[in-house]
PDB file of N, CA and C in Angstrom:
ATOM      1  N   UNK A   1      13.937 -19.344 -13.005  1.00  0.00           N
ATOM      2  CA  UNK A   1      13.438 -19.571 -11.666  1.00  0.00           C
ATOM      3  C   UNK A   1      14.476 -19.171 -10.618  1.00  0.00           C
ATOM      4  N   UNK A   2      15.749 -19.366 -10.905  1.00  0.00           N
ATOM      5  CA  UNK A   2      16.798 -19.035  -9.947  1.00  0.00           C
ATOM      6  C   UNK A   2      16.801 -17.540  -9.642  1.00  0.00           C
ATOM      7  N   UNK A   3      16.621 -16.691 -10.678  1.00  0.00           N
ATOM      8  CA  UNK A   3      16.573 -15.248 -10.461  1.00  0.00           C
ATOM      9  C   UNK A   3      15.380 -14.873  -9.600  1.00  0.00           C
ATOM     10  N   UNK A   4      14.225 -15.519  -9.852  1.00  0.00           N
ATOM     11  CA  UNK A   4      13.023 -15.255  -9.069  1.00  0.00           C
ATOM     12  C   UNK A   4      13.266 -15.638  -7.607  1.00  0.00           C
ATOM     13  N   UNK A   5      13.910 -16.765  -7.388  1.00  0.00           N
ATOM     14  CA  UNK A   5      14.219 -17.192  -6.021  1.00  0.00           C
ATOM     15  C   UNK A   5      15.192 -16.222  -5.354  1.00  0.00           C
ATOM     16  N   UNK A   6      16.151 -15.735  -6.108  1.00  0.00           N
ATOM     17  CA  UNK A   6      17.132 -14.793  -5.552  1.00  0.00           C
ATOM     18  C   UNK A   6      16.448 -13.489  -5.145  1.00  0.00           C
ATOM     19  N   UNK A   7      15.540 -13.008  -5.984  1.00  0.00           N
ATOM     20  CA  UNK A   7      14.786 -11.789  -5.663  1.00  0.00           C
ATOM     21  C   UNK A   7      13.926 -12.013  -4.419  1.00  0.00           C
ATOM     22  N   UNK A   8      13.242 -13.149  -4.370  1.00  0.00           N
ATOM     23  CA  UNK A   8      12.402 -13.465  -3.221  1.00  0.00           C
ATOM     24  C   UNK A   8      13.249 -13.545  -1.958  1.00  0.00           C
ATOM     25  N   UNK A   9      14.398 -14.185  -2.033  1.00  0.00           N
ATOM     26  CA  UNK A   9      15.320 -14.300  -0.891  1.00  0.00           C
ATOM     27  C   UNK A   9      15.698 -12.912  -0.375  1.00  0.00           C
ATOM     28  N   UNK A  10      16.093 -12.023  -1.288  1.00  0.00           N
ATOM     29  CA  UNK A  10      16.505 -10.679  -0.900  1.00  0.00           C
ATOM     30  C   UNK A  10      15.348  -9.892  -0.271  1.00  0.00           C
ATOM     31  N   UNK A  11      14.177  -9.966  -0.891  1.00  0.00           N
ATOM     32  CA  UNK A  11      13.013  -9.242  -0.375  1.00  0.00           C
ATOM     33  C   UNK A  11      12.578  -9.793   0.993  1.00  0.00           C
ATOM     34  N   UNK A  12      12.645 -11.094   1.161  1.00  0.00           N
ATOM     35  CA  UNK A  12      12.288 -11.731   2.430  1.00  0.00           C
ATOM     36  C   UNK A  12      13.240 -11.280   3.531  1.00  0.00           C
ATOM     37  N   UNK A  13      14.514 -11.256   3.236  1.00  0.00           N
ATOM     38  CA  UNK A  13      15.508 -10.847   4.233  1.00  0.00           C
ATOM     39  C   UNK A  13      15.315  -9.390   4.645  1.00  0.00           C
ATOM     40  N   UNK A  14      14.831  -8.557   3.731  1.00  0.00           N
ATOM     41  CA  UNK A  14      14.557  -7.154   4.066  1.00  0.00           C
ATOM     42  C   UNK A  14      13.266  -7.030   4.869  1.00  0.00           C
ATOM     43  N   UNK A  15      12.250  -7.801   4.496  1.00  0.00           N
ATOM     44  CA  UNK A  15      10.940  -7.710   5.155  1.00  0.00           C
ATOM     45  C   UNK A  15      10.979  -8.278   6.572  1.00  0.00           C
ATOM     46  N   UNK A  16      11.676  -9.383   6.750  1.00  0.00           N
ATOM     47  CA  UNK A  16      11.752 -10.031   8.065  1.00  0.00           C
ATOM     48  C   UNK A  16      12.973  -9.465   8.786  1.00  0.00           C
ATOM     49  N   UNK A  17      12.712  -8.459   9.620  1.00  0.00           N
ATOM     50  CA  UNK A  17      13.819  -7.775  10.290  1.00  0.00           C
ATOM     51  C   UNK A  17      14.008  -8.208  11.746  1.00  0.00           C
ATOM     52  N   UNK A  18      13.261  -9.229  12.162  1.00  0.00           N
ATOM     53  CA  UNK A  18      13.408  -9.749  13.526  1.00  0.00           C
ATOM     54  C   UNK A  18      14.312 -10.979  13.512  1.00  0.00           C
ATOM     55  N   UNK A  19      15.121 -11.117  14.535  1.00  0.00           N
ATOM     56  CA  UNK A  19      15.952 -12.312  14.659  1.00  0.00           C
ATOM     57  C   UNK A  19      15.041 -13.496  15.021  1.00  0.00           C
ATOM     58  N   UNK A  20      15.484 -14.708  14.757  1.00  0.00           N
ATOM     59  CA  UNK A  20      14.687 -15.860  15.176  1.00  0.00           C
ATOM     60  C   UNK A  20      14.378 -15.834  16.673  1.00  0.00           C
ATOM     61  N   UNK A  21      15.334 -15.442  17.500  1.00  0.00           N
ATOM     62  CA  UNK A  21      15.101 -15.401  18.954  1.00  0.00           C
ATOM     63  C   UNK A  21      14.019 -14.380  19.302  1.00  0.00           C
ATOM     64  N   UNK A  22      14.062 -13.206  18.693  1.00  0.00           N
ATOM     65  CA  UNK A  22      13.061 -12.170  18.965  1.00  0.00           C
ATOM     66  C   UNK A  22      11.685 -12.604  18.468  1.00  0.00           C
ATOM     67  N   UNK A  23      11.643 -13.243  17.311  1.00  0.00           N
ATOM     68  CA  UNK A  23      10.367 -13.715  16.778  1.00  0.00           C
ATOM     69  C   UNK A  23       9.792 -14.821  17.661  1.00  0.00           C
ATOM     70  N   UNK A  24      10.622 -15.755  18.094  1.00  0.00           N
ATOM     71  CA  UNK A  24      10.158 -16.821  18.996  1.00  0.00           C
ATOM     72  C   UNK A  24       9.579 -16.244  20.281  1.00  0.00           C
ATOM     73  N   UNK A  25      10.295 -15.281  20.870  1.00  0.00           N
ATOM     74  CA  UNK A  25       9.831 -14.652  22.105  1.00  0.00           C
ATOM     75  C   UNK A  25       8.483 -13.977  21.877  1.00  0.00           C
ATOM     76  N   UNK A  26       8.363 -13.270  20.764  1.00  0.00           N
ATOM     77  CA  UNK A  26       7.093 -12.604  20.452  1.00  0.00           C
ATOM     78  C   UNK A  26       5.967 -13.620  20.269  1.00  0.00           C
ATOM     79  N   UNK A  27       6.219 -14.674  19.504  1.00  0.00           N
ATOM     80  CA  UNK A  27       5.181 -15.676  19.238  1.00  0.00           C
ATOM     81  C   UNK A  27       4.740 -16.394  20.511  1.00  0.00           C
ATOM     82  N   UNK A  28       5.609 -16.447  21.496  1.00  0.00           N
ATOM     83  CA  UNK A  28       5.267 -17.084  22.775  1.00  0.00           C
ATOM     84  C   UNK A  28       4.428 -16.179  23.676  1.00  0.00           C
ATOM     85  N   UNK A  29       4.283 -14.915  23.299  1.00  0.00           N
ATOM     86  CA  UNK A  29       3.557 -13.974  24.154  1.00  0.00           C
ATOM     87  C   UNK A  29       2.046 -14.068  23.937  1.00  0.00           C
ATOM     88  N   UNK A  30       1.319 -13.720  24.966  1.00  0.00           N
ATOM     89  CA  UNK A  30      -0.146 -13.687  24.884  1.00  0.00           C
ATOM     90  C   UNK A  30      -0.602 -12.628  23.885  1.00  0.00           C
ATOM     91  N   UNK A  31       0.107 -11.495  23.828  1.00  0.00           N
ATOM     92  CA  UNK A  31      -0.246 -10.418  22.895  1.00  0.00           C
ATOM     93  C   UNK A  31      -0.179 -10.899  21.452  1.00  0.00           C
ATOM     94  N   UNK A  32       0.797 -11.705  21.149  1.00  0.00           N
ATOM     95  CA  UNK A  32       0.951 -12.241  19.803  1.00  0.00           C
ATOM     96  C   UNK A  32      -0.237 -13.125  19.425  1.00  0.00           C
ATOM     97  N   UNK A  33      -0.696 -13.914  20.370  1.00  0.00           N
ATOM     98  CA  UNK A  33      -1.804 -14.846  20.104  1.00  0.00           C
ATOM     99  C   UNK A  33      -3.145 -14.138  19.977  1.00  0.00           C
ATOM    100  N   UNK A  34      -3.244 -12.933  20.507  1.00  0.00           N
ATOM    101  CA  UNK A  34      -4.518 -12.216  20.527  1.00  0.00           C
ATOM    102  C   UNK A  34      -4.805 -11.437  19.247  1.00  0.00           C
ATOM    103  N   UNK A  35      -3.795 -11.178  18.427  1.00  0.00           N
ATOM    104  CA  UNK A  35      -4.011 -10.355  17.234  1.00  0.00           C
ATOM    105  C   UNK A  35      -4.089 -11.210  15.977  1.00  0.00           C
ATOM    106  N   UNK A  36      -4.703 -10.639  14.959  1.00  0.00           N
ATOM    107  CA  UNK A  36      -4.746 -11.284  13.660  1.00  0.00           C
ATOM    108  C   UNK A  36      -6.049 -11.986  13.380  1.00  0.00           C
ATOM    109  N   UNK A  37      -6.205 -12.325  12.117  1.00  0.00           N
ATOM    110  CA  UNK A  37      -7.409 -12.997  11.633  1.00  0.00           C
ATOM    111  C   UNK A  37      -7.340 -14.485  11.970  1.00  0.00           C
ATOM    112  N   UNK A  38      -8.400 -14.951  12.642  1.00  0.00           N
ATOM    113  CA  UNK A  38      -8.447 -16.355  13.055  1.00  0.00           C
ATOM    114  C   UNK A  38      -9.579 -17.068  12.328  1.00  0.00           C
ATOM    115  N   UNK A  39      -9.291 -18.249  11.844  1.00  0.00           N
ATOM    116  CA  UNK A  39     -10.310 -19.073  11.202  1.00  0.00           C
ATOM    117  C   UNK A  39     -10.847 -20.051  12.234  1.00  0.00           C
ATOM    118  N   UNK A  40     -12.121 -19.952  12.532  1.00  0.00           N
ATOM    119  CA  UNK A  40     -12.721 -20.885  13.470  1.00  0.00           C
ATOM    120  C   UNK A  40     -12.250 -20.744  14.892  1.00  0.00           C
ATOM    121  N   UNK A  41     -11.742 -19.579  15.259  1.00  0.00           N
ATOM    122  CA  UNK A  41     -11.327 -19.343  16.639  1.00  0.00           C
ATOM    123  C   UNK A  41      -9.982 -19.928  17.012  1.00  0.00           C
ATOM    124  N   UNK A  42      -9.250 -20.505  16.069  1.00  0.00           N
ATOM    125  CA  UNK A  42      -7.948 -21.104  16.369  1.00  0.00           C
ATOM    126  C   UNK A  42      -6.819 -20.105  16.244  1.00  0.00           C
ATOM    127  N   UNK A  43      -5.696 -20.596  15.805  1.00  0.00           N
ATOM    128  CA  UNK A  43      -4.501 -19.773  15.648  1.00  0.00           C
ATOM    129  C   UNK A  43      -4.683 -18.801  14.484  1.00  0.00           C
ATOM    130  N   UNK A  44      -4.201 -17.570  14.656  1.00  0.00           N
ATOM    131  CA  UNK A  44      -4.309 -16.586  13.581  1.00  0.00           C
ATOM    132  C   UNK A  44      -3.377 -16.958  12.428  1.00  0.00           C
ATOM    133  N   UNK A  45      -3.726 -16.452  11.261  1.00  0.00           N
ATOM    134  CA  UNK A  45      -2.917 -16.684  10.060  1.00  0.00           C
ATOM    135  C   UNK A  45      -1.495 -16.178  10.268  1.00  0.00           C
ATOM    136  N   UNK A  46      -1.366 -14.988  10.853  1.00  0.00           N
ATOM    137  CA  UNK A  46      -0.043 -14.408  11.071  1.00  0.00           C
ATOM    138  C   UNK A  46       0.789 -15.178  12.079  1.00  0.00           C
ATOM    139  N   UNK A  47       0.149 -15.667  13.121  1.00  0.00           N
ATOM    140  CA  UNK A  47       0.879 -16.443  14.131  1.00  0.00           C
ATOM    141  C   UNK A  47       1.421 -17.733  13.505  1.00  0.00           C
ATOM    142  N   UNK A  48       0.589 -18.384  12.708  1.00  0.00           N
ATOM    143  CA  UNK A  48       1.032 -19.597  12.013  1.00  0.00           C
ATOM    144  C   UNK A  48       2.175 -19.278  11.045  1.00  0.00           C
ATOM    145  N   UNK A  49       2.077 -18.134  10.365  1.00  0.00           N
ATOM    146  CA  UNK A  49       3.138 -17.763   9.430  1.00  0.00           C
ATOM    147  C   UNK A  49       4.420 -17.439  10.189  1.00  0.00           C
ATOM    148  N   UNK A  50       4.307 -16.879  11.377  1.00  0.00           N
ATOM    149  CA  UNK A  50       5.505 -16.638  12.177  1.00  0.00           C
ATOM    150  C   UNK A  50       6.253 -17.930  12.461  1.00  0.00           C
ATOM    151  N   UNK A  51       5.499 -18.979  12.783  1.00  0.00           N
ATOM    152  CA  UNK A  51       6.139 -20.287  13.007  1.00  0.00           C
ATOM    153  C   UNK A  51       6.775 -20.798  11.713  1.00  0.00           C
ATOM    154  N   UNK A  52       6.106 -20.548  10.592  1.00  0.00           N
ATOM    155  CA  UNK A  52       6.640 -20.967   9.282  1.00  0.00           C
ATOM    156  C   UNK A  52       7.929 -20.202   8.957  1.00  0.00           C
ATOM    157  N   UNK A  53       7.947 -18.910   9.284  1.00  0.00           N
ATOM    158  CA  UNK A  53       9.150 -18.098   9.069  1.00  0.00           C
ATOM    159  C   UNK A  53      10.329 -18.688   9.837  1.00  0.00           C
ATOM    160  N   UNK A  54      10.081 -19.109  11.069  1.00  0.00           N
ATOM    161  CA  UNK A  54      11.159 -19.718  11.857  1.00  0.00           C
ATOM    162  C   UNK A  54      11.671 -20.993  11.200  1.00  0.00           C
ATOM    163  N   UNK A  55      10.775 -21.794  10.643  1.00  0.00           N
ATOM    164  CA  UNK A  55      11.199 -23.006   9.928  1.00  0.00           C
ATOM    165  C   UNK A  55      12.093 -22.639   8.746  1.00  0.00           C
ATOM    166  N   UNK A  56      11.687 -21.616   8.003  1.00  0.00           N
ATOM    167  CA  UNK A  56      12.465 -21.185   6.835  1.00  0.00           C
ATOM    168  C   UNK A  56      13.829 -20.664   7.275  1.00  0.00           C
ATOM    169  N   UNK A  57      13.852 -19.852   8.324  1.00  0.00           N
ATOM    170  CA  UNK A  57      15.118 -19.280   8.779  1.00  0.00           C
ATOM    171  C   UNK A  57      16.061 -20.340   9.353  1.00  0.00           C
ATOM    172  N   UNK A  58      15.523 -21.465   9.786  1.00  0.00           N
ATOM    173  CA  UNK A  58      16.352 -22.547  10.311  1.00  0.00           C
ATOM    174  C   UNK A  58      17.002 -23.381   9.201  1.00  0.00           C
ATOM    175  N   UNK A  59      16.556 -23.185   7.971  1.00  0.00           N
ATOM    176  CA  UNK A  59      17.099 -23.955   6.850  1.00  0.00           C
ATOM    177  C   UNK A  59      18.275 -23.228   6.213  1.00  0.00           C
ATOM    178  N   UNK A  60      19.110 -24.002   5.553  1.00  0.00           N
ATOM    179  CA  UNK A  60      20.148 -23.433   4.705  1.00  0.00           C
ATOM    180  C   UNK A  60      19.470 -22.983   3.413  1.00  0.00           C
ATOM    181  N   UNK A  61      19.977 -21.925   2.831  1.00  0.00           N
ATOM    182  CA  UNK A  61      19.385 -21.385   1.599  1.00  0.00           C
ATOM    183  C   UNK A  61      19.280 -22.463   0.527  1.00  0.00           C
ATOM    184  N   UNK A  62      20.285 -23.304   0.398  1.00  0.00           N
ATOM    185  CA  UNK A  62      20.293 -24.351  -0.628  1.00  0.00           C
ATOM    186  C   UNK A  62      19.204 -25.398  -0.401  1.00  0.00           C
ATOM    187  N   UNK A  63      18.681 -25.486   0.831  1.00  0.00           N
ATOM    188  CA  UNK A  63      17.662 -26.487   1.155  1.00  0.00           C
ATOM    189  C   UNK A  63      16.231 -25.962   1.046  1.00  0.00           C
ATOM    190  N   UNK A  64      16.070 -24.691   0.682  1.00  0.00           N
ATOM    191  CA  UNK A  64      14.727 -24.125   0.567  1.00  0.00           C
ATOM    192  C   UNK A  64      13.984 -24.730  -0.624  1.00  0.00           C
ATOM    193  N   UNK A  65      12.710 -24.998  -0.428  1.00  0.00           N
ATOM    194  CA  UNK A  65      11.868 -25.598  -1.468  1.00  0.00           C
ATOM    195  C   UNK A  65      11.021 -24.527  -2.150  1.00  0.00           C
ATOM    196  N   UNK A  66      10.339 -24.933  -3.221  1.00  0.00           N
ATOM    197  CA  UNK A  66       9.420 -24.015  -3.888  1.00  0.00           C
ATOM    198  C   UNK A  66       8.315 -23.574  -2.930  1.00  0.00           C
ATOM    199  N   UNK A  67       7.864 -24.466  -2.050  1.00  0.00           N
ATOM    200  CA  UNK A  67       6.861 -24.100  -1.044  1.00  0.00           C
ATOM    201  C   UNK A  67       7.408 -23.045  -0.081  1.00  0.00           C
ATOM    202  N   UNK A  68       8.667 -23.174   0.282  1.00  0.00           N
ATOM    203  CA  UNK A  68       9.295 -22.175   1.145  1.00  0.00           C
ATOM    204  C   UNK A  68       9.307 -20.816   0.447  1.00  0.00           C
ATOM    205  N   UNK A  69       9.700 -20.806  -0.821  1.00  0.00           N
ATOM    206  CA  UNK A  69       9.744 -19.548  -1.560  1.00  0.00           C
ATOM    207  C   UNK A  69       8.349 -18.947  -1.729  1.00  0.00           C
ATOM    208  N   UNK A  70       7.335 -19.778  -1.901  1.00  0.00           N
ATOM    209  CA  UNK A  70       5.955 -19.278  -1.982  1.00  0.00           C
ATOM    210  C   UNK A  70       5.551 -18.624  -0.663  1.00  0.00           C
ATOM    211  N   UNK A  71       5.913 -19.241   0.460  1.00  0.00           N
ATOM    212  CA  UNK A  71       5.620 -18.660   1.775  1.00  0.00           C
ATOM    213  C   UNK A  71       6.380 -17.349   1.955  1.00  0.00           C
ATOM    214  N   UNK A  72       7.618 -17.315   1.503  1.00  0.00           N
ATOM    215  CA  UNK A  72       8.424 -16.107   1.610  1.00  0.00           C
ATOM    216  C   UNK A  72       7.784 -14.961   0.823  1.00  0.00           C
ATOM    217  N   UNK A  73       7.275 -15.255  -0.367  1.00  0.00           N
ATOM    218  CA  UNK A  73       6.593 -14.235  -1.174  1.00  0.00           C
ATOM    219  C   UNK A  73       5.354 -13.721  -0.455  1.00  0.00           C
ATOM    220  N   UNK A  74       4.632 -14.620   0.185  1.00  0.00           N
ATOM    221  CA  UNK A  74       3.433 -14.228   0.934  1.00  0.00           C
ATOM    222  C   UNK A  74       3.806 -13.284   2.074  1.00  0.00           C
ATOM    223  N   UNK A  75       4.886 -13.581   2.769  1.00  0.00           N
ATOM    224  CA  UNK A  75       5.361 -12.731   3.863  1.00  0.00           C
ATOM    225  C   UNK A  75       5.712 -11.341   3.334  1.00  0.00           C
ATOM    226  N   UNK A  76       6.465 -11.288   2.267  1.00  0.00           N
ATOM    227  CA  UNK A  76       6.882 -10.007   1.681  1.00  0.00           C
ATOM    228  C   UNK A  76       5.652  -9.188   1.289  1.00  0.00           C
ATOM    229  N   UNK A  77       4.695  -9.807   0.637  1.00  0.00           N
ATOM    230  CA  UNK A  77       3.486  -9.103   0.228  1.00  0.00           C
ATOM    231  C   UNK A  77       2.712  -8.564   1.417  1.00  0.00           C
ATOM    232  N   UNK A  78       2.553  -9.391   2.448  1.00  0.00           N
ATOM    233  CA  UNK A  78       1.821  -8.962   3.635  1.00  0.00           C
ATOM    234  C   UNK A  78       2.515  -7.784   4.306  1.00  0.00           C
ATOM    235  N   UNK A  79       3.812  -7.901   4.522  1.00  0.00           N
ATOM    236  CA  UNK A  79       4.551  -6.844   5.207  1.00  0.00           C
ATOM    237  C   UNK A  79       4.440  -5.538   4.422  1.00  0.00           C
ATOM    238  N   UNK A  80       4.628  -5.588   3.105  1.00  0.00           N
ATOM    239  CA  UNK A  80       4.542  -4.367   2.294  1.00  0.00           C
ATOM    240  C   UNK A  80       3.149  -3.741   2.362  1.00  0.00           C
ATOM    241  N   UNK A  81       2.104  -4.567   2.276  1.00  0.00           N
ATOM    242  CA  UNK A  81       0.730  -4.040   2.353  1.00  0.00           C
ATOM    243  C   UNK A  81       0.442  -3.456   3.732  1.00  0.00           C
ATOM    244  N   UNK A  82       0.819  -4.172   4.765  1.00  0.00           N
ATOM    245  CA  UNK A  82       0.508  -3.768   6.136  1.00  0.00           C
ATOM    246  C   UNK A  82       1.257  -2.494   6.528  1.00  0.00           C
ATOM    247  N   UNK A  83       2.459  -2.309   6.017  1.00  0.00           N
ATOM    248  CA  UNK A  83       3.231  -1.106   6.336  1.00  0.00           C
ATOM    249  C   UNK A  83       2.580   0.157   5.779  1.00  0.00           C
ATOM    250  N   UNK A  84       1.761   0.009   4.761  1.00  0.00           N
ATOM    251  CA  UNK A  84       1.063   1.165   4.186  1.00  0.00           C
ATOM    252  C   UNK A  84      -0.114   1.594   5.054  1.00  0.00           C
ATOM    253  N   UNK A  85      -0.468   0.758   6.023  1.00  0.00           N
ATOM    254  CA  UNK A  85      -1.575   1.055   6.918  1.00  0.00           C
ATOM    255  C   UNK A  85      -1.017   1.536   8.262  1.00  0.00           C
ATOM    256  N   UNK A  86      -1.848   1.581   9.256  1.00  0.00           N
ATOM    257  CA  UNK A  86      -1.366   1.854  10.608  1.00  0.00           C
ATOM    258  C   UNK A  86      -1.844   3.157  11.198  1.00  0.00           C
ATOM    259  N   UNK A  87      -1.760   4.247  10.427  1.00  0.00           N
ATOM    260  CA  UNK A  87      -2.206   5.538  10.945  1.00  0.00           C
ATOM    261  C   UNK A  87      -1.586   5.852  12.296  1.00  0.00           C
ATOM    262  N   UNK A  88      -2.427   6.280  13.245  1.00  0.00           N
ATOM    263  CA  UNK A  88      -1.956   6.633  14.585  1.00  0.00           C
ATOM    264  C   UNK A  88      -1.395   5.431  15.346  1.00  0.00           C
ATOM    265  N   UNK A  89      -1.783   4.237  14.951  1.00  0.00           N
ATOM    266  CA  UNK A  89      -1.287   3.031  15.622  1.00  0.00           C
ATOM    267  C   UNK A  89       0.223   2.892  15.495  1.00  0.00           C
ATOM    268  N   UNK A  90       0.804   3.548  14.508  1.00  0.00           N
ATOM    269  CA  UNK A  90       2.258   3.481  14.306  1.00  0.00           C
ATOM    270  C   UNK A  90       3.028   3.969  15.533  1.00  0.00           C
ATOM    271  N   UNK A  91       2.413   4.849  16.313  1.00  0.00           N
ATOM    272  CA  UNK A  91       3.084   5.433  17.476  1.00  0.00           C
ATOM    273  C   UNK A  91       2.984   4.546  18.712  1.00  0.00           C
ATOM    274  N   UNK A  92       2.057   3.612  18.710  1.00  0.00           N
ATOM    275  CA  UNK A  92       1.780   2.786  19.890  1.00  0.00           C
ATOM    276  C   UNK A  92       2.524   1.455  19.796  1.00  0.00           C
ATOM    277  N   UNK A  93       3.500   1.214  20.678  1.00  0.00           N
ATOM    278  CA  UNK A  93       4.262  -0.039  20.602  1.00  0.00           C
ATOM    279  C   UNK A  93       3.431  -1.286  20.902  1.00  0.00           C
ATOM    280  N   UNK A  94       2.257  -1.123  21.498  1.00  0.00           N
ATOM    281  CA  UNK A  94       1.399  -2.265  21.819  1.00  0.00           C
ATOM    282  C   UNK A  94       0.173  -2.346  20.906  1.00  0.00           C
ATOM    283  N   UNK A  95       0.175  -1.596  19.812  1.00  0.00           N
ATOM    284  CA  UNK A  95      -0.984  -1.598  18.920  1.00  0.00           C
ATOM    285  C   UNK A  95      -1.123  -2.951  18.221  1.00  0.00           C
ATOM    286  N   UNK A  96      -2.360  -3.365  17.965  1.00  0.00           N
ATOM    287  CA  UNK A  96      -2.565  -4.598  17.202  1.00  0.00           C
ATOM    288  C   UNK A  96      -1.874  -4.547  15.841  1.00  0.00           C
ATOM    289  N   UNK A  97      -1.777  -3.361  15.258  1.00  0.00           N
ATOM    290  CA  UNK A  97      -1.107  -3.195  13.960  1.00  0.00           C
ATOM    291  C   UNK A  97       0.350  -3.654  14.059  1.00  0.00           C
ATOM    292  N   UNK A  98       1.066  -3.163  15.065  1.00  0.00           N
ATOM    293  CA  UNK A  98       2.471  -3.547  15.235  1.00  0.00           C
ATOM    294  C   UNK A  98       2.598  -5.022  15.618  1.00  0.00           C
ATOM    295  N   UNK A  99       1.783  -5.466  16.568  1.00  0.00           N
ATOM    296  CA  UNK A  99       1.871  -6.851  17.029  1.00  0.00           C
ATOM    297  C   UNK A  99       1.584  -7.834  15.891  1.00  0.00           C
ATOM    298  N   UNK A 100       0.647  -7.477  15.029  1.00  0.00           N
ATOM    299  CA  UNK A 100       0.342  -8.327  13.882  1.00  0.00           C
ATOM    300  C   UNK A 100       1.526  -8.387  12.917  1.00  0.00           C
ATOM    301  N   UNK A 101       2.119  -7.240  12.641  1.00  0.00           N
ATOM    302  CA  UNK A 101       3.310  -7.224  11.775  1.00  0.00           C
ATOM    303  C   UNK A 101       4.426  -8.065  12.369  1.00  0.00           C
ATOM    304  N   UNK A 102       4.565  -7.993  13.674  1.00  0.00           N
ATOM    305  CA  UNK A 102       5.619  -8.771  14.334  1.00  0.00           C
ATOM    306  C   UNK A 102       5.357 -10.274  14.205  1.00  0.00           C
ATOM    307  N   UNK A 103       4.094 -10.684  14.171  1.00  0.00           N
ATOM    308  CA  UNK A 103       3.796 -12.102  13.928  1.00  0.00           C
ATOM    309  C   UNK A 103       4.363 -12.544  12.584  1.00  0.00           C
ATOM    310  N   UNK A 104       4.437 -11.614  11.652  1.00  0.00           N
ATOM    311  CA  UNK A 104       4.953 -11.893  10.314  1.00  0.00           C
ATOM    312  C   UNK A 104       6.453 -11.604  10.211  1.00  0.00           C
ATOM    313  N   UNK A 105       7.108 -11.390  11.357  1.00  0.00           N
ATOM    314  CA  UNK A 105       8.564 -11.244  11.385  1.00  0.00           C
ATOM    315  C   UNK A 105       9.088  -9.848  11.182  1.00  0.00           C
ATOM    316  N   UNK A 106       8.194  -8.842  11.144  1.00  0.00           N
ATOM    317  CA  UNK A 106       8.645  -7.472  10.916  1.00  0.00           C
ATOM    318  C   UNK A 106       8.260  -6.583  12.090  1.00  0.00           C
ATOM    319  N   UNK A 107       9.250  -5.967  12.703  1.00  0.00           N
ATOM    320  CA  UNK A 107       8.998  -5.008  13.778  1.00  0.00           C
ATOM    321  C   UNK A 107       9.185  -3.605  13.194  1.00  0.00           C
ATOM    322  N   UNK A 108       8.071  -2.870  13.009  1.00  0.00           N
ATOM    323  CA  UNK A 108       8.185  -1.538  12.414  1.00  0.00           C
ATOM    324  C   UNK A 108       8.896  -0.524  13.306  1.00  0.00           C
ATOM    325  N   UNK A 109       9.097  -0.848  14.576  1.00  0.00           N
ATOM    326  CA  UNK A 109       9.812   0.063  15.483  1.00  0.00           C
ATOM    327  C   UNK A 109      11.306  -0.254  15.542  1.00  0.00           C
ATOM    328  N   UNK A 110      11.729  -1.247  14.811  1.00  0.00           N
ATOM    329  CA  UNK A 110      13.141  -1.612  14.791  1.00  0.00           C
ATOM    330  C   UNK A 110      13.848  -0.818  13.692  1.00  0.00           C
ATOM    331  N   UNK A 111      14.985  -0.284  14.034  1.00  0.00           N
ATOM    332  CA  UNK A 111      15.755   0.489  13.035  1.00  0.00           C
ATOM    333  C   UNK A 111      16.508  -0.417  12.110  1.00  0.00           C
TER     334      UNK A 111
END
């Protein structure tokens, strides 16, 4: 299990390329709240996961739980799948594709 957690930690750190401050600023924006799949008209799945990412990033690695690692795996999977999409939206900094990825902690326009 320790090796699996180490792999997840490494993949999460690569997938989430936004700083906590940048992610917080993005999540506070109206654009962030407007994108993503919403259940029952409430908060989108990605917006909620962005808040979860901030909780994880605020913890020490030694304090991460199995639930945290499960969330981290979900983030990695989403980011990898979403990066394969985008098409022409990749060029637009305000595209829902980019804004949605940013809800999940990944800015595809960041080097």
